[in-house]
Amino acid sequence: MAEDRKKVEGEHLTYQGKPLVREGDTIIYGDLNHDPCVLVLEIMAYKEEAGEKVPAKVLIQILDSKDPNNVLQSGQKDGLHDAFSLGLTWLDLKLKKSEMQ
């Protein structure tokens, strides 16, 4: 499975010391190679706001880094900000729980 993972080359955004990468409608926050789980945001629908296309419906998933098919937690929010905020909370809780084990 590790052979299938893409290494992020070049410059990319980081937030709180972790990679934040977007490809198409998928945003991944976290390091698949070092973190036990990562946050995945999938933009499901857009809306028009002030002449701009902005995310309307966002699927939130916490995935196991060793097995990306293993969804640890899932939900949906309206808007990217709310989805990212909730996802960060879930991810933080999962990471703290994995440190305690």
N, C-alpha and C. Protein backbone atom coordinates (compact mmCIF):
# COMPACT_ATOMS: atom_id res chain seq x y z
N MET A 1 0.82 -1.20 0.00
CA MET A 1 0.00 0.00 0.00
C MET A 1 0.86 1.25 0.00
N ALA A 2 1.99 1.23 0.69
CA ALA A 2 2.84 2.42 0.79
C ALA A 2 3.39 2.82 -0.57
N GLU A 3 3.53 1.84 -1.48
CA GLU A 3 4.06 2.16 -2.81
C GLU A 3 3.10 3.02 -3.61
N ASP A 4 1.79 2.94 -3.30
CA ASP A 4 0.78 3.68 -4.04
C ASP A 4 0.70 5.14 -3.63
N ARG A 5 1.28 5.49 -2.51
CA ARG A 5 1.18 6.86 -2.00
C ARG A 5 2.06 7.79 -2.80
N LYS A 6 1.53 8.98 -3.03
CA LYS A 6 2.29 10.01 -3.73
C LYS A 6 3.02 10.86 -2.71
N LYS A 7 4.26 11.18 -2.98
CA LYS A 7 5.00 12.09 -2.12
C LYS A 7 4.78 13.48 -2.68
N VAL A 8 4.45 14.41 -1.80
CA VAL A 8 4.21 15.78 -2.22
C VAL A 8 5.55 16.44 -2.43
N GLU A 9 5.84 16.78 -3.65
CA GLU A 9 7.11 17.40 -4.00
C GLU A 9 6.93 18.91 -4.13
N GLY A 10 8.00 19.64 -3.94
CA GLY A 10 7.97 21.09 -4.12
C GLY A 10 7.29 21.79 -2.96
N GLU A 11 6.90 23.01 -3.21
CA GLU A 11 6.27 23.81 -2.17
C GLU A 11 4.79 23.47 -2.06
N HIS A 12 4.33 23.41 -0.84
CA HIS A 12 2.91 23.18 -0.58
C HIS A 12 2.54 23.91 0.69
N LEU A 13 1.27 24.12 0.87
CA LEU A 13 0.81 24.81 2.07
C LEU A 13 0.96 23.92 3.29
N THR A 14 1.22 24.55 4.41
CA THR A 14 1.17 23.85 5.68
C THR A 14 0.29 24.65 6.61
N TYR A 15 -0.33 23.95 7.53
CA TYR A 15 -1.15 24.59 8.56
C TYR A 15 -0.82 23.88 9.85
N GLN A 16 -0.39 24.63 10.83
CA GLN A 16 0.01 24.08 12.13
C GLN A 16 1.04 22.97 11.95
N GLY A 17 1.96 23.15 11.01
CA GLY A 17 3.06 22.22 10.80
C GLY A 17 2.74 20.97 10.02
N LYS A 18 1.51 20.85 9.50
CA LYS A 18 1.12 19.67 8.72
C LYS A 18 0.79 20.09 7.29
N PRO A 19 1.06 19.20 6.32
CA PRO A 19 0.75 19.52 4.92
C PRO A 19 -0.75 19.67 4.70
N LEU A 20 -1.10 20.63 3.86
CA LEU A 20 -2.48 20.88 3.45
C LEU A 20 -2.46 20.90 1.93
N VAL A 21 -2.97 19.82 1.32
CA VAL A 21 -2.85 19.64 -0.13
C VAL A 21 -4.23 19.49 -0.75
N ARG A 22 -4.42 20.20 -1.85
CA ARG A 22 -5.69 20.08 -2.59
C ARG A 22 -5.42 19.60 -4.00
N GLU A 23 -6.22 18.62 -4.41
CA GLU A 23 -6.21 18.17 -5.79
C GLU A 23 -7.65 18.04 -6.23
N GLY A 24 -8.06 18.91 -7.13
CA GLY A 24 -9.45 18.92 -7.57
C GLY A 24 -10.36 19.30 -6.42
N ASP A 25 -11.33 18.46 -6.14
CA ASP A 25 -12.30 18.72 -5.07
C ASP A 25 -11.93 18.03 -3.76
N THR A 26 -10.73 17.47 -3.68
CA THR A 26 -10.28 16.77 -2.49
C THR A 26 -9.18 17.56 -1.79
N ILE A 27 -9.34 17.74 -0.47
CA ILE A 27 -8.34 18.42 0.35
C ILE A 27 -7.90 17.43 1.43
N ILE A 28 -6.60 17.24 1.56
CA ILE A 28 -6.06 16.34 2.58
C ILE A 28 -5.19 17.15 3.52
N TYR A 29 -5.45 16.99 4.81
CA TYR A 29 -4.68 17.66 5.85
C TYR A 29 -4.04 16.60 6.74
N GLY A 30 -2.73 16.61 6.79
CA GLY A 30 -1.99 15.65 7.60
C GLY A 30 -0.95 14.96 6.75
N ASP A 31 -0.10 14.20 7.41
CA ASP A 31 1.00 13.50 6.75
C ASP A 31 0.73 12.00 6.77
N LEU A 32 0.45 11.43 5.61
CA LEU A 32 0.15 10.00 5.50
C LEU A 32 1.30 9.12 5.97
N ASN A 33 2.52 9.64 5.90
CA ASN A 33 3.69 8.84 6.26
C ASN A 33 4.03 8.91 7.74
N HIS A 34 3.53 9.92 8.46
CA HIS A 34 3.92 10.08 9.86
C HIS A 34 2.75 10.11 10.85
N ASP A 35 1.59 10.52 10.42
CA ASP A 35 0.44 10.63 11.31
C ASP A 35 -0.38 9.33 11.26
N PRO A 36 -0.96 8.92 12.39
CA PRO A 36 -1.79 7.70 12.38
C PRO A 36 -3.09 7.87 11.59
N CYS A 37 -3.56 9.12 11.44
CA CYS A 37 -4.77 9.37 10.66
C CYS A 37 -4.69 10.77 10.06
N VAL A 38 -5.49 11.00 9.03
CA VAL A 38 -5.50 12.29 8.33
C VAL A 38 -6.95 12.74 8.11
N LEU A 39 -7.10 14.03 7.87
CA LEU A 39 -8.39 14.62 7.56
C LEU A 39 -8.53 14.75 6.05
N VAL A 40 -9.66 14.29 5.53
CA VAL A 40 -9.95 14.43 4.10
C VAL A 40 -11.27 15.18 3.97
N LEU A 41 -11.24 16.25 3.19
CA LEU A 41 -12.45 17.02 2.89
C LEU A 41 -12.74 16.85 1.40
N GLU A 42 -13.94 16.42 1.09
CA GLU A 42 -14.35 16.22 -0.30
C GLU A 42 -15.47 17.20 -0.60
N ILE A 43 -15.23 18.15 -1.50
CA ILE A 43 -16.24 19.13 -1.87
C ILE A 43 -17.24 18.45 -2.79
N MET A 44 -18.49 18.37 -2.31
CA MET A 44 -19.53 17.64 -3.03
C MET A 44 -20.37 18.54 -3.93
N ALA A 45 -20.51 19.82 -3.54
CA ALA A 45 -21.34 20.74 -4.33
C ALA A 45 -20.84 22.16 -4.11
N TYR A 46 -21.09 23.00 -5.11
CA TYR A 46 -20.70 24.41 -5.05
C TYR A 46 -21.95 25.29 -5.14
N LYS A 47 -21.78 26.54 -4.73
CA LYS A 47 -22.83 27.54 -4.91
C LYS A 47 -22.18 28.83 -5.40
N GLU A 48 -22.98 29.68 -5.98
CA GLU A 48 -22.51 30.98 -6.48
C GLU A 48 -22.71 32.02 -5.39
N GLU A 49 -21.64 32.72 -5.05
CA GLU A 49 -21.72 33.74 -4.01
C GLU A 49 -20.87 34.94 -4.44
N ALA A 50 -21.51 36.07 -4.61
CA ALA A 50 -20.83 37.30 -5.04
C ALA A 50 -20.02 37.07 -6.31
N GLY A 51 -20.59 36.30 -7.23
CA GLY A 51 -19.94 36.06 -8.51
C GLY A 51 -18.83 35.02 -8.46
N GLU A 52 -18.63 34.38 -7.32
CA GLU A 52 -17.59 33.37 -7.16
C GLU A 52 -18.21 32.01 -6.85
N LYS A 53 -17.56 30.95 -7.30
CA LYS A 53 -17.99 29.59 -7.00
C LYS A 53 -17.33 29.17 -5.68
N VAL A 54 -18.14 28.90 -4.65
CA VAL A 54 -17.62 28.51 -3.35
C VAL A 54 -18.21 27.17 -2.92
N PRO A 55 -17.46 26.39 -2.11
CA PRO A 55 -17.97 25.09 -1.66
C PRO A 55 -19.25 25.24 -0.83
N ALA A 56 -20.25 24.42 -1.14
CA ALA A 56 -21.52 24.45 -0.41
C ALA A 56 -21.63 23.23 0.51
N LYS A 57 -21.47 22.05 -0.03
CA LYS A 57 -21.56 20.80 0.75
C LYS A 57 -20.18 20.15 0.77
N VAL A 58 -19.73 19.80 1.96
CA VAL A 58 -18.40 19.20 2.11
C VAL A 58 -18.50 17.94 2.96
N LEU A 59 -17.98 16.84 2.42
CA LEU A 59 -17.90 15.58 3.15
C LEU A 59 -16.61 15.60 3.97
N ILE A 60 -16.73 15.26 5.26
CA ILE A 60 -15.59 15.25 6.18
C ILE A 60 -15.30 13.79 6.52
N GLN A 61 -14.01 13.39 6.40
CA GLN A 61 -13.63 12.04 6.77
C GLN A 61 -12.29 12.05 7.50
N ILE A 62 -12.20 11.23 8.53
CA ILE A 62 -10.93 10.96 9.17
C ILE A 62 -10.55 9.55 8.71
N LEU A 63 -9.40 9.44 8.02
CA LEU A 63 -8.97 8.16 7.47
C LEU A 63 -7.74 7.64 8.20
N ASP A 64 -7.67 6.34 8.35
CA ASP A 64 -6.50 5.66 8.89
C ASP A 64 -5.38 5.78 7.86
N SER A 65 -4.21 6.26 8.26
CA SER A 65 -3.10 6.44 7.33
C SER A 65 -2.55 5.12 6.80
N LYS A 66 -2.61 4.08 7.60
CA LYS A 66 -2.09 2.78 7.16
C LYS A 66 -3.04 2.09 6.19
N ASP A 67 -4.33 2.38 6.31
CA ASP A 67 -5.35 1.80 5.44
C ASP A 67 -6.36 2.89 5.08
N PRO A 68 -6.09 3.66 4.01
CA PRO A 68 -6.98 4.76 3.64
C PRO A 68 -8.42 4.36 3.32
N ASN A 69 -8.68 3.06 3.17
CA ASN A 69 -10.05 2.60 2.97
C ASN A 69 -10.81 2.50 4.28
N ASN A 70 -10.10 2.61 5.40
CA ASN A 70 -10.69 2.54 6.73
C ASN A 70 -11.09 3.94 7.19
N VAL A 71 -12.38 4.23 7.11
CA VAL A 71 -12.90 5.54 7.52
C VAL A 71 -13.20 5.47 9.02
N LEU A 72 -12.47 6.27 9.81
CA LEU A 72 -12.63 6.26 11.26
C LEU A 72 -13.81 7.10 11.73
N GLN A 73 -14.09 8.17 10.99
CA GLN A 73 -15.21 9.06 11.33
C GLN A 73 -15.61 9.80 10.07
N SER A 74 -16.90 10.10 9.95
CA SER A 74 -17.40 10.72 8.74
C SER A 74 -18.59 11.62 9.05
N GLY A 75 -18.75 12.67 8.28
CA GLY A 75 -19.88 13.56 8.43
C GLY A 75 -19.94 14.54 7.28
N GLN A 76 -20.84 15.48 7.34
CA GLN A 76 -21.01 16.47 6.28
C GLN A 76 -21.37 17.80 6.89
N LYS A 77 -20.87 18.87 6.28
CA LYS A 77 -21.17 20.23 6.72
C LYS A 77 -21.41 21.10 5.50
N ASP A 78 -22.12 22.19 5.73
CA ASP A 78 -22.29 23.21 4.70
C ASP A 78 -21.15 24.21 4.84
N GLY A 79 -20.40 24.41 3.78
CA GLY A 79 -19.32 25.39 3.77
C GLY A 79 -17.99 24.79 4.18
N LEU A 80 -16.93 25.26 3.54
CA LEU A 80 -15.59 24.75 3.78
C LEU A 80 -15.07 25.11 5.17
N HIS A 81 -15.36 26.32 5.64
CA HIS A 81 -14.88 26.74 6.95
C HIS A 81 -15.42 25.84 8.06
N ASP A 82 -16.72 25.62 8.06
CA ASP A 82 -17.33 24.77 9.09
C ASP A 82 -16.81 23.33 9.00
N ALA A 83 -16.66 22.83 7.77
CA ALA A 83 -16.17 21.47 7.58
C ALA A 83 -14.74 21.33 8.07
N PHE A 84 -13.90 22.30 7.76
CA PHE A 84 -12.50 22.24 8.18
C PHE A 84 -12.39 22.36 9.70
N SER A 85 -13.17 23.24 10.30
CA SER A 85 -13.15 23.41 11.76
C SER A 85 -13.56 22.13 12.48
N LEU A 86 -14.66 21.52 12.04
CA LEU A 86 -15.12 20.28 12.65
C LEU A 86 -14.10 19.16 12.41
N GLY A 87 -13.59 19.08 11.20
CA GLY A 87 -12.60 18.06 10.85
C GLY A 87 -11.34 18.18 11.70
N LEU A 88 -10.88 19.41 11.93
CA LEU A 88 -9.69 19.61 12.77
C LEU A 88 -9.94 19.13 14.19
N THR A 89 -11.13 19.37 14.72
CA THR A 89 -11.48 18.92 16.06
C THR A 89 -11.46 17.40 16.13
N TRP A 90 -12.10 16.75 15.16
CA TRP A 90 -12.12 15.29 15.12
C TRP A 90 -10.70 14.73 15.01
N LEU A 91 -9.90 15.31 14.10
CA LEU A 91 -8.54 14.83 13.89
C LEU A 91 -7.72 14.98 15.16
N ASP A 92 -7.82 16.11 15.81
CA ASP A 92 -7.09 16.35 17.05
C ASP A 92 -7.45 15.31 18.11
N LEU A 93 -8.74 15.02 18.25
CA LEU A 93 -9.18 14.01 19.22
C LEU A 93 -8.63 12.62 18.87
N LYS A 94 -8.67 12.26 17.60
CA LYS A 94 -8.16 10.94 17.18
C LYS A 94 -6.65 10.84 17.40
N LEU A 95 -5.92 11.91 17.09
CA LEU A 95 -4.47 11.90 17.28
C LEU A 95 -4.10 11.80 18.76
N LYS A 96 -4.83 12.54 19.61
CA LYS A 96 -4.57 12.46 21.05
C LYS A 96 -4.89 11.07 21.58
N LYS A 97 -5.97 10.46 21.09
CA LYS A 97 -6.35 9.13 21.52
C LYS A 97 -5.28 8.10 21.11
N SER A 98 -4.73 8.25 19.91
CA SER A 98 -3.70 7.31 19.44
C SER A 98 -2.40 7.48 20.22
N GLU A 99 -2.10 8.69 20.71
CA GLU A 99 -0.91 8.92 21.52
C GLU A 99 -1.04 8.24 22.88
N MET A 100 -2.25 8.15 23.39
CA MET A 100 -2.49 7.57 24.71
C MET A 100 -2.41 6.04 24.69
N GLN A 101 -2.56 5.45 23.52
CA GLN A 101 -2.56 3.97 23.43
C GLN A 101 -1.16 3.42 23.33
